[in-house]
Amino acid sequence: MTRDEIISVLGPIDEAVIADIALTGASLEELREAFAWIGADEALVNEGHAMPGARVARLIEILEPPEDDPEAPGTMA
């Protein structure tokens, strides 16, 4: 998958993220699927879509912002 293909799906995005995505070996279709899961995971499950495969799941991990971890060092409880 090329840089331009990644940007065509995600829009402007950090070069490090583009590199991480390219290293997964995922296809353009898998990137589109990951992007759809991020925006509407419950809706896709409700529509009967199968859970994402390993590469799509890895793309989701790369693309989703980290959740706040209340037990992370340096945070106030």
Foldseek 3Di string as FASTA:
>chain_A
DDLVLLCVQVPDDDPVLSVQLVVLVDDSVLLNVLVVCVVPVPVCVVVPHDPRDDSSVSNVVSPDDDDDDCPDPPHDD
